[in-house]
Amino acid sequence: MSLRKKKNEIERLISSFEREADKFHDLTFSLFYVTHEGPVDNRKFKSPNHTIMLWQYYGKIKPQGGAEKFVENLKHSDLKWGVRGAQLSAFAVIEGESCALFARMAKRAGSLFNEKEASVLKSRVVSEIQESEKDGVSKPTAAVNGNEMAVWLSYLLYYISKVSPGKDKLERIEPDPFSLSLLALENLLVSPRVEKIDKSMSRVDEINFKVALSFPGEKRGYVSNVVDSLKANLGKDQVFYDFDYQSQLARPDLDIMLQNIYRNNCELVVVFLCKEYSEKEWCGLEWRAVRDIIKSKESERIMFVRFDGAHTEGVFSIDGYIDANHFSEVEVSRFILERVGLVCGANA
């Protein structure tokens, strides 16, 4: 059963975590890494604590003798701590008097996810490492922990990567795990979706996209479904969606890069209008590029999708739009594809 059908359970968990968050437990959540040579630092952990492996990157298994060595390491491993000889292992550490209580609640929260959703969460980091280590000869091998608590902690890191890219890699994860779980559950209630990020290795500033999407984070659940449908029809690196280019967007002068993408490096800009769009600074930055396109009498390059009647400076009652409340994500993507065909055909 998918997350969309578990609203009641999510609401019950929200109530439970809210009660504990209100107690201001002295509880911390940190990440601890171990290489094949030992721990990367000599931190001392408070007692009591609960330590759990999240994932391991074993390394490349060479064609000659690699499999035999892996089997030998497996035989002499304590699987609670993973496979011996792994190049890098990531552990989550919960420290504080209420760590046992949090562990029980986290296991219940982790059971929310079905097998497919849990797989995306567990393999999020190691799949990136494996992809970067491919050489066509050796096989990059990794392992992930399927324990419900490990799944929930992986979801918390996934949630942080969405709202504050990069902070999921920090040693100390903030806020405390009860409060963080409450925020993550509230996000699940609004956007019950775990998506596999289709990371691109192409230089984003050198791509001429067919479509660029401008939207506030509150509408990401709806927009991500539109993106999936567009990608299925347009192919790789044809849709500018921020999650696919996170590493390249983590840079100074991001405002200049984004304005250039929306203004010059895409055929069609789809703007998802709503109350939140008018309030967000980064949406306002993208909106400046849209206004300049309209000023240059290239309005055929702009398409509006509306969620509500909130006012956006520069949009008038005579401007046409697609009503997101009347059309599904797939239907909206079809409308966008129609416009792409017209705009690209006219520019051919």
C-alpha atoms as a PDB file:
ATOM      1  CA  MET A   1       0.000   0.000   0.000  1.00  0.00           C
ATOM      2  CA  SER A   2       1.415   3.410  -0.990  1.00  0.00           C
ATOM      3  CA  LEU A   3       1.760   6.433   1.295  1.00  0.00           C
ATOM      4  CA  ARG A   4      -1.271   8.087  -0.320  1.00  0.00           C
ATOM      5  CA  LYS A   5      -3.496   5.439   1.309  1.00  0.00           C
ATOM      6  CA  LYS A   6      -1.990   5.782   4.799  1.00  0.00           C
ATOM      7  CA  LYS A   7      -3.296   9.215   5.783  1.00  0.00           C
ATOM      8  CA  ASN A   8      -4.853   7.989   9.041  1.00  0.00           C
ATOM      9  CA  GLU A   9      -1.657   6.297  10.195  1.00  0.00           C
ATOM     10  CA  ILE A  10       0.427   9.355   9.293  1.00  0.00           C
ATOM     11  CA  GLU A  11      -1.947  11.546  11.333  1.00  0.00           C
ATOM     12  CA  ARG A  12      -1.663   9.187  14.326  1.00  0.00           C
ATOM     13  CA  LEU A  13       2.130   9.311  14.117  1.00  0.00           C
ATOM     14  CA  ILE A  14       2.039  13.107  13.878  1.00  0.00           C
ATOM     15  CA  SER A  15       0.079  13.215  17.149  1.00  0.00           C
ATOM     16  CA  SER A  16       2.552  10.849  18.839  1.00  0.00           C
ATOM     17  CA  PHE A  17       5.679  12.688  17.709  1.00  0.00           C
ATOM     18  CA  GLU A  18       4.089  16.054  18.502  1.00  0.00           C
ATOM     19  CA  ARG A  19       3.578  14.994  22.131  1.00  0.00           C
ATOM     20  CA  GLU A  20       7.216  13.989  22.454  1.00  0.00           C
ATOM     21  CA  ALA A  21       8.538  17.054  20.612  1.00  0.00           C
ATOM     22  CA  ASP A  22       6.664  19.246  23.096  1.00  0.00           C
ATOM     23  CA  LYS A  23       8.656  17.653  25.941  1.00  0.00           C
ATOM     24  CA  PHE A  24      11.983  18.988  24.557  1.00  0.00           C
ATOM     25  CA  HIS A  25      13.892  15.732  25.010  1.00  0.00           C
ATOM     26  CA  ASP A  26      17.668  16.073  25.225  1.00  0.00           C
ATOM     27  CA  LEU A  27      18.134  13.811  22.219  1.00  0.00           C
ATOM     28  CA  THR A  28      20.568  14.124  19.312  1.00  0.00           C
ATOM     29  CA  PHE A  29      20.862  12.573  15.845  1.00  0.00           C
ATOM     30  CA  SER A  30      24.296  12.349  14.234  1.00  0.00           C
ATOM     31  CA  LEU A  31      26.069  10.496  11.439  1.00  0.00           C
ATOM     32  CA  PHE A  32      29.226   8.471  12.004  1.00  0.00           C
ATOM     33  CA  TYR A  33      31.425   7.126   9.197  1.00  0.00           C
ATOM     34  CA  VAL A  34      33.832   4.190   9.225  1.00  0.00           C
ATOM     35  CA  THR A  35      36.341   3.302   6.498  1.00  0.00           C
ATOM     36  CA  HIS A  36      38.160  -0.016   6.051  1.00  0.00           C
ATOM     37  CA  GLU A  37      40.924   1.530   8.161  1.00  0.00           C
ATOM     38  CA  GLY A  38      38.646   2.482  11.048  1.00  0.00           C
ATOM     39  CA  PRO A  39      36.446   5.407  12.208  1.00  0.00           C
ATOM     40  CA  VAL A  40      36.941   8.739  10.464  1.00  0.00           C
ATOM     41  CA  ASP A  41      37.036  10.479  13.859  1.00  0.00           C
ATOM     42  CA  ASN A  42      37.427   9.560  17.508  1.00  0.00           C
ATOM     43  CA  ARG A  43      34.182  10.959  18.829  1.00  0.00           C
ATOM     44  CA  LYS A  44      32.941   9.818  22.221  1.00  0.00           C
ATOM     45  CA  PHE A  45      29.214   9.070  22.312  1.00  0.00           C
ATOM     46  CA  LYS A  46      26.924   9.737  25.256  1.00  0.00           C
ATOM     47  CA  SER A  47      25.225   6.895  27.070  1.00  0.00           C
ATOM     48  CA  PRO A  48      22.639   5.637  26.485  1.00  0.00           C
ATOM     49  CA  ASN A  49      22.709   5.646  22.714  1.00  0.00           C
ATOM     50  CA  HIS A  50      21.320   3.671  19.802  1.00  0.00           C
ATOM     51  CA  THR A  51      23.622   3.079  16.837  1.00  0.00           C
ATOM     52  CA  ILE A  52      22.400   1.595  13.561  1.00  0.00           C
ATOM     53  CA  MET A  53      24.042   1.050  10.189  1.00  0.00           C
ATOM     54  CA  LEU A  54      22.339   2.853   7.297  1.00  0.00           C
ATOM     55  CA  TRP A  55      24.464   1.760   4.345  1.00  0.00           C
ATOM     56  CA  GLN A  56      27.849   0.442   3.246  1.00  0.00           C
ATOM     57  CA  TYR A  57      29.865   0.945   0.098  1.00  0.00           C
ATOM     58  CA  TYR A  58      31.979  -2.179  -0.141  1.00  0.00           C
ATOM     59  CA  GLY A  59      33.902  -1.090  -3.231  1.00  0.00           C
ATOM     60  CA  LYS A  60      34.618  -2.582  -6.637  1.00  0.00           C
ATOM     61  CA  ILE A  61      34.608  -6.357  -7.003  1.00  0.00           C
ATOM     62  CA  LYS A  62      37.310  -7.172  -9.526  1.00  0.00           C
ATOM     63  CA  PRO A  63      36.763  -9.909 -12.145  1.00  0.00           C
ATOM     64  CA  GLN A  64      39.806 -11.838 -10.931  1.00  0.00           C
ATOM     65  CA  GLY A  65      39.466 -12.987  -7.318  1.00  0.00           C
ATOM     66  CA  GLY A  66      37.133 -10.183  -6.259  1.00  0.00           C
ATOM     67  CA  ALA A  67      34.105 -12.391  -5.632  1.00  0.00           C
ATOM     68  CA  GLU A  68      36.128 -14.878  -3.584  1.00  0.00           C
ATOM     69  CA  LYS A  69      37.521 -12.080  -1.406  1.00  0.00           C
ATOM     70  CA  PHE A  70      34.035 -10.673  -0.866  1.00  0.00           C
ATOM     71  CA  VAL A  71      32.685 -14.087   0.219  1.00  0.00           C
ATOM     72  CA  GLU A  72      35.609 -14.510   2.617  1.00  0.00           C
ATOM     73  CA  ASN A  73      34.941 -11.093   4.162  1.00  0.00           C
ATOM     74  CA  LEU A  74      31.262 -11.966   4.438  1.00  0.00           C
ATOM     75  CA  LYS A  75      32.039 -15.168   6.360  1.00  0.00           C
ATOM     76  CA  HIS A  76      34.018 -13.257   8.976  1.00  0.00           C
ATOM     77  CA  SER A  77      31.604 -10.356   9.397  1.00  0.00           C
ATOM     78  CA  ASP A  78      29.257  -9.437  12.206  1.00  0.00           C
ATOM     79  CA  LEU A  79      26.308  -8.457  10.004  1.00  0.00           C
ATOM     80  CA  LYS A  80      24.951  -6.189  12.727  1.00  0.00           C
ATOM     81  CA  TRP A  81      27.832  -3.874  11.807  1.00  0.00           C
ATOM     82  CA  GLY A  82      28.011  -4.762   8.124  1.00  0.00           C
ATOM     83  CA  VAL A  83      30.485  -6.488   5.850  1.00  0.00           C
ATOM     84  CA  ARG A  84      34.141  -6.510   6.815  1.00  0.00           C
ATOM     85  CA  GLY A  85      36.440  -4.678   4.394  1.00  0.00           C
ATOM     86  CA  ALA A  86      33.890  -2.111   3.204  1.00  0.00           C
ATOM     87  CA  GLN A  87      35.465   1.117   1.942  1.00  0.00           C
ATOM     88  CA  LEU A  88      32.884   3.299   3.673  1.00  0.00           C
ATOM     89  CA  SER A  89      30.067   2.602   6.146  1.00  0.00           C
ATOM     90  CA  ALA A  90      27.512   5.122   7.409  1.00  0.00           C
ATOM     91  CA  PHE A  91      25.950   4.791  10.859  1.00  0.00           C
ATOM     92  CA  ALA A  92      23.218   6.844  12.499  1.00  0.00           C
ATOM     93  CA  VAL A  93      23.632   7.503  16.220  1.00  0.00           C
ATOM     94  CA  ILE A  94      20.757   8.567  18.481  1.00  0.00           C
ATOM     95  CA  GLU A  95      22.045   9.789  21.870  1.00  0.00           C
ATOM     96  CA  GLY A  96      20.070  10.638  24.996  1.00  0.00           C
ATOM     97  CA  GLU A  97      17.871   9.164  27.742  1.00  0.00           C
ATOM     98  CA  SER A  98      14.877   8.753  25.413  1.00  0.00           C
ATOM     99  CA  CYS A  99      16.746   7.011  22.580  1.00  0.00           C
ATOM    100  CA  ALA A 100      14.914   3.704  23.244  1.00  0.00           C
ATOM    101  CA  LEU A 101      11.548   5.452  22.998  1.00  0.00           C
ATOM    102  CA  PHE A 102      12.553   7.159  19.770  1.00  0.00           C
ATOM    103  CA  ALA A 103      13.802   3.843  18.342  1.00  0.00           C
ATOM    104  CA  ARG A 104      10.383   2.236  18.939  1.00  0.00           C
ATOM    105  CA  MET A 105       8.530   5.162  17.381  1.00  0.00           C
ATOM    106  CA  ALA A 106      10.954   5.346  14.453  1.00  0.00           C
ATOM    107  CA  LYS A 107      10.400   1.663  13.650  1.00  0.00           C
ATOM    108  CA  ARG A 108       6.667   2.263  13.504  1.00  0.00           C
ATOM    109  CA  ALA A 109       7.181   5.304  11.269  1.00  0.00           C
ATOM    110  CA  GLY A 110       9.545   3.359   9.019  1.00  0.00           C
ATOM    111  CA  SER A 111       6.850   0.754   8.415  1.00  0.00           C
ATOM    112  CA  LEU A 112       4.821   3.410   6.559  1.00  0.00           C
ATOM    113  CA  PHE A 113       6.839   2.846   3.407  1.00  0.00           C
ATOM    114  CA  ASN A 114       6.168   0.027   0.980  1.00  0.00           C
ATOM    115  CA  GLU A 115       9.029  -1.985  -0.509  1.00  0.00           C
ATOM    116  CA  LYS A 116       9.529   0.317  -3.499  1.00  0.00           C
ATOM    117  CA  GLU A 117       9.494   3.505  -1.408  1.00  0.00           C
ATOM    118  CA  ALA A 118      11.864   2.020   1.180  1.00  0.00           C
ATOM    119  CA  SER A 119      14.252   0.934  -1.572  1.00  0.00           C
ATOM    120  CA  VAL A 120      14.511   4.496  -2.898  1.00  0.00           C
ATOM    121  CA  LEU A 121      15.239   5.834   0.593  1.00  0.00           C
ATOM    122  CA  LYS A 122      17.786   3.169   1.576  1.00  0.00           C
ATOM    123  CA  SER A 123      19.796   3.311  -1.658  1.00  0.00           C
ATOM    124  CA  ARG A 124      19.722   7.097  -2.199  1.00  0.00           C
ATOM    125  CA  VAL A 125      23.367   7.725  -1.256  1.00  0.00           C
ATOM    126  CA  VAL A 126      25.034   4.459  -2.257  1.00  0.00           C
ATOM    127  CA  SER A 127      23.444   4.518  -5.709  1.00  0.00           C
ATOM    128  CA  GLU A 128      25.160   7.866  -6.311  1.00  0.00           C
ATOM    129  CA  ILE A 129      28.506   6.401  -5.207  1.00  0.00           C
ATOM    130  CA  GLN A 130      28.042   3.312  -7.369  1.00  0.00           C
ATOM    131  CA  GLU A 131      27.148   5.419 -10.396  1.00  0.00           C
ATOM    132  CA  SER A 132      30.271   7.555  -9.998  1.00  0.00           C
ATOM    133  CA  GLU A 133      32.509   4.471  -9.553  1.00  0.00           C
ATOM    134  CA  LYS A 134      31.422   2.606 -12.698  1.00  0.00           C
ATOM    135  CA  ASP A 135      34.295   1.785 -15.039  1.00  0.00           C
ATOM    136  CA  GLY A 136      32.874  -1.019 -17.202  1.00  0.00           C
ATOM    137  CA  VAL A 137      35.233  -3.590 -15.660  1.00  0.00           C
ATOM    138  CA  SER A 138      34.657  -3.893 -11.915  1.00  0.00           C
ATOM    139  CA  LYS A 139      31.293  -3.984 -10.195  1.00  0.00           C
ATOM    140  CA  PRO A 140      30.765  -1.342  -7.475  1.00  0.00           C
ATOM    141  CA  THR A 141      29.024  -3.174  -4.609  1.00  0.00           C
ATOM    142  CA  ALA A 142      26.964  -1.733  -1.783  1.00  0.00           C
ATOM    143  CA  ALA A 143      24.618  -2.855   0.979  1.00  0.00           C
ATOM    144  CA  VAL A 144      21.739  -1.108   2.741  1.00  0.00           C
ATOM    145  CA  ASN A 145      19.885  -1.780   5.981  1.00  0.00           C
ATOM    146  CA  GLY A 146      16.230  -2.799   5.621  1.00  0.00           C
ATOM    147  CA  ASN A 147      15.399  -2.351   9.324  1.00  0.00           C
ATOM    148  CA  GLU A 148      12.357  -0.064   9.767  1.00  0.00           C
ATOM    149  CA  MET A 149      14.310   2.338  11.987  1.00  0.00           C
ATOM    150  CA  ALA A 150      17.083   2.622   9.391  1.00  0.00           C
ATOM    151  CA  VAL A 151      14.430   3.299   6.748  1.00  0.00           C
ATOM    152  CA  TRP A 152      12.907   6.087   8.867  1.00  0.00           C
ATOM    153  CA  LEU A 153      16.281   7.715   9.551  1.00  0.00           C
ATOM    154  CA  SER A 154      17.036   7.489   5.829  1.00  0.00           C
ATOM    155  CA  TYR A 155      13.735   9.251   5.172  1.00  0.00           C
ATOM    156  CA  LEU A 156      14.662  12.018   7.623  1.00  0.00           C
ATOM    157  CA  LEU A 157      17.915  12.557   5.710  1.00  0.00           C
ATOM    158  CA  TYR A 158      16.002  12.482   2.411  1.00  0.00           C
ATOM    159  CA  TYR A 159      13.565  15.092   3.781  1.00  0.00           C
ATOM    160  CA  ILE A 160      16.442  17.365   4.851  1.00  0.00           C
ATOM    161  CA  SER A 161      18.056  17.008   1.410  1.00  0.00           C
ATOM    162  CA  LYS A 162      14.832  18.372  -0.098  1.00  0.00           C
ATOM    163  CA  VAL A 163      14.312  21.347   2.196  1.00  0.00           C
ATOM    164  CA  SER A 164      17.991  22.189   2.889  1.00  0.00           C
ATOM    165  CA  PRO A 165      20.229  20.535   0.255  1.00  0.00           C
ATOM    166  CA  GLY A 166      23.626  19.615   1.690  1.00  0.00           C
ATOM    167  CA  LYS A 167      22.620  19.604   5.354  1.00  0.00           C
ATOM    168  CA  ASP A 168      21.844  15.878   5.170  1.00  0.00           C
ATOM    169  CA  LYS A 169      25.608  15.327   4.825  1.00  0.00           C
ATOM    170  CA  LEU A 170      26.499  17.114   8.069  1.00  0.00           C
ATOM    171  CA  GLU A 171      27.773  15.181  11.093  1.00  0.00           C
ATOM    172  CA  ARG A 172      25.106  16.595  13.443  1.00  0.00           C
ATOM    173  CA  ILE A 173      21.523  16.582  12.136  1.00  0.00           C
ATOM    174  CA  GLU A 174      19.182  19.294  13.386  1.00  0.00           C
ATOM    175  CA  PRO A 175      16.632  19.719  14.889  1.00  0.00           C
ATOM    176  CA  ASP A 176      16.273  16.954  17.512  1.00  0.00           C
ATOM    177  CA  PRO A 177      14.936  13.660  16.062  1.00  0.00           C
ATOM    178  CA  PHE A 178      11.442  14.002  17.569  1.00  0.00           C
ATOM    179  CA  SER A 179      10.937  17.496  16.122  1.00  0.00           C
ATOM    180  CA  LEU A 180      12.533  16.518  12.809  1.00  0.00           C
ATOM    181  CA  SER A 181      10.253  13.480  12.576  1.00  0.00           C
ATOM    182  CA  LEU A 182       7.231  15.692  13.216  1.00  0.00           C
ATOM    183  CA  LEU A 183       8.223  18.042  10.360  1.00  0.00           C
ATOM    184  CA  ALA A 184       8.914  15.108   8.040  1.00  0.00           C
ATOM    185  CA  LEU A 185       5.553  13.478   8.820  1.00  0.00           C
ATOM    186  CA  GLU A 186       3.699  16.732   8.185  1.00  0.00           C
ATOM    187  CA  ASN A 187       5.466  16.878   4.825  1.00  0.00           C
ATOM    188  CA  LEU A 188       4.343  13.299   4.102  1.00  0.00           C
ATOM    189  CA  LEU A 189       0.756  14.293   4.809  1.00  0.00           C
ATOM    190  CA  VAL A 190       0.929  17.153   2.291  1.00  0.00           C
ATOM    191  CA  SER A 191       3.099  15.364  -0.271  1.00  0.00           C
ATOM    192  CA  PRO A 192       2.794  11.571   0.188  1.00  0.00           C
ATOM    193  CA  ARG A 193       5.499  10.677  -2.288  1.00  0.00           C
ATOM    194  CA  VAL A 194       9.064   9.416  -2.235  1.00  0.00           C
ATOM    195  CA  GLU A 195      10.751  10.085  -5.550  1.00  0.00           C
ATOM    196  CA  LYS A 196      13.956   8.778  -6.977  1.00  0.00           C
ATOM    197  CA  ILE A 197      15.983  11.774  -8.076  1.00  0.00           C
ATOM    198  CA  ASP A 198      17.139  11.459 -11.673  1.00  0.00           C
ATOM    199  CA  LYS A 199      20.513  13.114 -11.275  1.00  0.00           C
ATOM    200  CA  SER A 200      22.137  14.474 -14.410  1.00  0.00           C
ATOM    201  CA  MET A 201      25.878  14.628 -15.094  1.00  0.00           C
ATOM    202  CA  SER A 202      25.461  17.101 -17.974  1.00  0.00           C
ATOM    203  CA  ARG A 203      26.511  20.700 -17.376  1.00  0.00           C
ATOM    204  CA  VAL A 204      23.263  22.482 -16.590  1.00  0.00           C
ATOM    205  CA  ASP A 205      24.479  25.826 -17.938  1.00  0.00           C
ATOM    206  CA  GLU A 206      25.172  24.267 -21.350  1.00  0.00           C
ATOM    207  CA  ILE A 207      21.789  22.559 -21.852  1.00  0.00           C
ATOM    208  CA  ASN A 208      18.998  24.066 -23.938  1.00  0.00           C
ATOM    209  CA  PHE A 209      15.912  22.686 -22.203  1.00  0.00           C
ATOM    210  CA  LYS A 210      12.573  22.207 -23.887  1.00  0.00           C
ATOM    211  CA  VAL A 211      10.748  22.979 -20.606  1.00  0.00           C
ATOM    212  CA  ALA A 212      11.690  24.780 -17.383  1.00  0.00           C
ATOM    213  CA  LEU A 213       9.341  24.642 -14.395  1.00  0.00           C
ATOM    214  CA  SER A 214       8.956  27.485 -11.900  1.00  0.00           C
ATOM    215  CA  PHE A 215       7.078  26.589  -8.700  1.00  0.00           C
ATOM    216  CA  PRO A 216       7.158  26.923  -4.890  1.00  0.00           C
ATOM    217  CA  GLY A 217       8.256  23.970  -2.757  1.00  0.00           C
ATOM    218  CA  GLU A 218       4.758  23.540  -1.355  1.00  0.00           C
ATOM    219  CA  LYS A 219       3.598  22.270  -4.761  1.00  0.00           C
ATOM    220  CA  ARG A 220       6.508  19.901  -5.352  1.00  0.00           C
ATOM    221  CA  GLY A 221       4.359  16.776  -4.925  1.00  0.00           C
ATOM    222  CA  TYR A 222       2.074  17.788  -7.800  1.00  0.00           C
ATOM    223  CA  VAL A 223       4.876  19.197  -9.963  1.00  0.00           C
ATOM    224  CA  SER A 224       7.104  16.127  -9.551  1.00  0.00           C
ATOM    225  CA  ASN A 225       4.337  13.968 -11.048  1.00  0.00           C
ATOM    226  CA  VAL A 226       4.103  16.363 -13.995  1.00  0.00           C
ATOM    227  CA  VAL A 227       7.879  16.114 -14.381  1.00  0.00           C
ATOM    228  CA  ASP A 228       7.796  12.295 -14.453  1.00  0.00           C
ATOM    229  CA  SER A 229       5.282  12.359 -17.307  1.00  0.00           C
ATOM    230  CA  LEU A 230       7.251  15.000 -19.225  1.00  0.00           C
ATOM    231  CA  LYS A 231      10.509  13.069 -18.903  1.00  0.00           C
ATOM    232  CA  ALA A 232       8.856   9.897 -20.169  1.00  0.00           C
ATOM    233  CA  ASN A 233       7.943  11.754 -23.356  1.00  0.00           C
ATOM    234  CA  LEU A 234      10.831  14.207 -23.820  1.00  0.00           C
ATOM    235  CA  GLY A 235      13.792  12.199 -22.543  1.00  0.00           C
ATOM    236  CA  LYS A 236      16.858  13.072 -20.444  1.00  0.00           C
ATOM    237  CA  ASP A 237      17.997  16.668 -19.920  1.00  0.00           C
ATOM    238  CA  GLN A 238      14.983  18.130 -21.674  1.00  0.00           C
ATOM    239  CA  VAL A 239      13.159  19.287 -18.527  1.00  0.00           C
ATOM    240  CA  PHE A 240      14.730  21.675 -16.025  1.00  0.00           C
ATOM    241  CA  TYR A 241      13.687  20.376 -12.587  1.00  0.00           C
ATOM    242  CA  ASP A 242      15.892  21.541  -9.714  1.00  0.00           C
ATOM    243  CA  PHE A 243      16.218  18.163  -7.945  1.00  0.00           C
ATOM    244  CA  ASP A 244      17.970  16.672 -10.981  1.00  0.00           C
ATOM    245  CA  TYR A 245      20.779  19.246 -10.781  1.00  0.00           C
ATOM    246  CA  GLN A 246      21.232  19.780  -7.020  1.00  0.00           C
ATOM    247  CA  SER A 247      25.025  19.446  -6.964  1.00  0.00           C
ATOM    248  CA  GLN A 248      25.408  22.016  -9.754  1.00  0.00           C
ATOM    249  CA  LEU A 249      22.985  24.447  -8.111  1.00  0.00           C
ATOM    250  CA  ALA A 250      24.966  24.413  -4.856  1.00  0.00           C
ATOM    251  CA  ARG A 251      27.160  27.371  -5.868  1.00  0.00           C
ATOM    252  CA  PRO A 252      27.596  31.133  -5.537  1.00  0.00           C
ATOM    253  CA  ASP A 253      25.781  33.353  -8.060  1.00  0.00           C
ATOM    254  CA  LEU A 254      22.954  30.829  -8.343  1.00  0.00           C
ATOM    255  CA  ASP A 255      20.574  33.703  -9.089  1.00  0.00           C
ATOM    256  CA  ILE A 256      22.484  34.525 -12.281  1.00  0.00           C
ATOM    257  CA  MET A 257      22.541  30.880 -13.392  1.00  0.00           C
ATOM    258  CA  LEU A 258      18.810  30.404 -12.806  1.00  0.00           C
ATOM    259  CA  GLN A 259      17.817  33.605 -14.568  1.00  0.00           C
ATOM    260  CA  ASN A 260      19.894  32.579 -17.576  1.00  0.00           C
ATOM    261  CA  ILE A 261      18.235  29.139 -17.692  1.00  0.00           C
ATOM    262  CA  TYR A 262      14.701  30.562 -17.528  1.00  0.00           C
ATOM    263  CA  ARG A 263      15.407  33.540 -19.780  1.00  0.00           C
ATOM    264  CA  ASN A 264      17.689  32.088 -22.452  1.00  0.00           C
ATOM    265  CA  ASN A 265      18.191  28.322 -22.137  1.00  0.00           C
ATOM    266  CA  CYS A 266      14.693  26.895 -22.444  1.00  0.00           C
ATOM    267  CA  GLU A 267      11.954  26.882 -25.050  1.00  0.00           C
ATOM    268  CA  LEU A 268       8.973  26.993 -22.686  1.00  0.00           C
ATOM    269  CA  VAL A 269       8.664  28.215 -19.078  1.00  0.00           C
ATOM    270  CA  VAL A 270       5.756  26.712 -17.121  1.00  0.00           C
ATOM    271  CA  VAL A 271       4.834  28.801 -14.076  1.00  0.00           C
ATOM    272  CA  PHE A 272       2.749  27.184 -11.299  1.00  0.00           C
ATOM    273  CA  LEU A 273       0.889  30.151  -9.811  1.00  0.00           C
ATOM    274  CA  CYS A 274      -0.470  30.125  -6.258  1.00  0.00           C
ATOM    275  CA  LYS A 275      -0.338  32.055  -2.995  1.00  0.00           C
ATOM    276  CA  GLU A 276       3.035  30.582  -2.076  1.00  0.00           C
ATOM    277  CA  TYR A 277       4.540  31.476  -5.464  1.00  0.00           C
ATOM    278  CA  SER A 278       3.889  35.159  -4.817  1.00  0.00           C
ATOM    279  CA  GLU A 279       5.557  34.955  -1.388  1.00  0.00           C
ATOM    280  CA  LYS A 280       8.803  33.079  -2.159  1.00  0.00           C
ATOM    281  CA  GLU A 281      12.039  34.978  -2.886  1.00  0.00           C
ATOM    282  CA  TRP A 282      13.431  32.433  -5.334  1.00  0.00           C
ATOM    283  CA  CYS A 283      10.151  32.248  -7.232  1.00  0.00           C
ATOM    284  CA  GLY A 284      10.334  36.044  -7.448  1.00  0.00           C
ATOM    285  CA  LEU A 285      13.794  35.776  -8.969  1.00  0.00           C
ATOM    286  CA  GLU A 286      12.571  33.321 -11.621  1.00  0.00           C
ATOM    287  CA  TRP A 287       9.510  35.524 -12.167  1.00  0.00           C
ATOM    288  CA  ARG A 288      11.780  38.428 -13.207  1.00  0.00           C
ATOM    289  CA  ALA A 289      13.081  36.310 -16.093  1.00  0.00           C
ATOM    290  CA  VAL A 290       9.491  35.450 -17.056  1.00  0.00           C
ATOM    291  CA  ARG A 291       8.509  39.127 -17.080  1.00  0.00           C
ATOM    292  CA  ASP A 292      11.451  39.965 -19.335  1.00  0.00           C
ATOM    293  CA  ILE A 293      10.349  37.254 -21.784  1.00  0.00           C
ATOM    294  CA  ILE A 294       6.857  38.811 -21.858  1.00  0.00           C
ATOM    295  CA  LYS A 295       8.378  42.306 -22.302  1.00  0.00           C
ATOM    296  CA  SER A 296      10.274  41.009 -25.342  1.00  0.00           C
ATOM    297  CA  LYS A 297       6.953  39.928 -26.915  1.00  0.00           C
ATOM    298  CA  GLU A 298       7.796  36.229 -26.593  1.00  0.00           C
ATOM    299  CA  SER A 299       4.705  35.367 -24.555  1.00  0.00           C
ATOM    300  CA  GLU A 300       4.252  32.105 -26.493  1.00  0.00           C
ATOM    301  CA  ARG A 301       7.199  30.850 -24.394  1.00  0.00           C
ATOM    302  CA  ILE A 302       5.206  31.245 -21.156  1.00  0.00           C
ATOM    303  CA  MET A 303       2.501  28.911 -19.827  1.00  0.00           C
ATOM    304  CA  PHE A 304       0.536  29.419 -16.599  1.00  0.00           C
ATOM    305  CA  VAL A 305      -0.870  26.673 -14.368  1.00  0.00           C
ATOM    306  CA  ARG A 306      -2.988  27.936 -11.454  1.00  0.00           C
ATOM    307  CA  PHE A 307      -3.745  26.344  -8.078  1.00  0.00           C
ATOM    308  CA  ASP A 308      -5.734  29.270  -6.660  1.00  0.00           C
ATOM    309  CA  GLY A 309      -6.760  32.850  -7.360  1.00  0.00           C
ATOM    310  CA  ALA A 310      -3.929  34.517  -5.407  1.00  0.00           C
ATOM    311  CA  HIS A 311      -2.584  37.679  -7.011  1.00  0.00           C
ATOM    312  CA  THR A 312       0.839  37.638  -8.657  1.00  0.00           C
ATOM    313  CA  GLU A 313       2.280  40.986  -9.687  1.00  0.00           C
ATOM    314  CA  GLY A 314       2.168  41.213 -13.489  1.00  0.00           C
ATOM    315  CA  VAL A 315      -0.557  38.586 -14.018  1.00  0.00           C
ATOM    316  CA  PHE A 316      -3.977  39.913 -15.015  1.00  0.00           C
ATOM    317  CA  SER A 317      -7.504  38.526 -15.308  1.00  0.00           C
ATOM    318  CA  ILE A 318      -7.163  38.469 -19.112  1.00  0.00           C
ATOM    319  CA  ASP A 319      -4.223  36.030 -18.963  1.00  0.00           C
ATOM    320  CA  GLY A 320      -5.000  32.403 -19.769  1.00  0.00           C
ATOM    321  CA  TYR A 321      -4.043  29.439 -17.602  1.00  0.00           C
ATOM    322  CA  ILE A 322      -4.590  25.737 -16.918  1.00  0.00           C
ATOM    323  CA  ASP A 323      -6.560  25.052 -13.722  1.00  0.00           C
ATOM    324  CA  ALA A 324      -4.595  22.505 -11.644  1.00  0.00           C
ATOM    325  CA  ASN A 325      -7.712  21.825  -9.559  1.00  0.00           C
ATOM    326  CA  HIS A 326      -9.605  20.539 -12.598  1.00  0.00           C
ATOM    327  CA  PHE A 327      -6.833  18.604 -14.360  1.00  0.00           C
ATOM    328  CA  SER A 328      -4.582  15.785 -13.142  1.00  0.00           C
ATOM    329  CA  GLU A 329      -0.795  15.890 -13.337  1.00  0.00           C
ATOM    330  CA  VAL A 330      -0.832  13.654 -16.417  1.00  0.00           C
ATOM    331  CA  GLU A 331      -3.368  15.898 -18.148  1.00  0.00           C
ATOM    332  CA  VAL A 332      -1.319  19.008 -17.335  1.00  0.00           C
ATOM    333  CA  SER A 333       1.797  17.328 -18.740  1.00  0.00           C
ATOM    334  CA  ARG A 334      -0.100  16.623 -21.975  1.00  0.00           C
ATOM    335  CA  PHE A 335      -1.034  20.290 -22.267  1.00  0.00           C
ATOM    336  CA  ILE A 336       2.614  21.212 -21.732  1.00  0.00           C
ATOM    337  CA  LEU A 337       3.744  18.740 -24.397  1.00  0.00           C
ATOM    338  CA  GLU A 338       1.281  20.296 -26.847  1.00  0.00           C
ATOM    339  CA  ARG A 339       2.777  23.721 -26.211  1.00  0.00           C
ATOM    340  CA  VAL A 340       6.326  22.365 -26.492  1.00  0.00           C
ATOM    341  CA  GLY A 341       5.434  20.987 -29.922  1.00  0.00           C
ATOM    342  CA  LEU A 342       4.067  24.356 -31.054  1.00  0.00           C
ATOM    343  CA  VAL A 343       6.902  26.447 -29.625  1.00  0.00           C
ATOM    344  CA  CYS A 344       9.694  24.180 -30.839  1.00  0.00           C
ATOM    345  CA  GLY A 345       8.039  23.826 -34.224  1.00  0.00           C
ATOM    346  CA  ALA A 346       7.854  27.600 -34.600  1.00  0.00           C
ATOM    347  CA  ASN A 347      11.536  27.956 -33.634  1.00  0.00           C
ATOM    348  CA  ALA A 348      12.756  25.184 -35.920  1.00  0.00           C
END
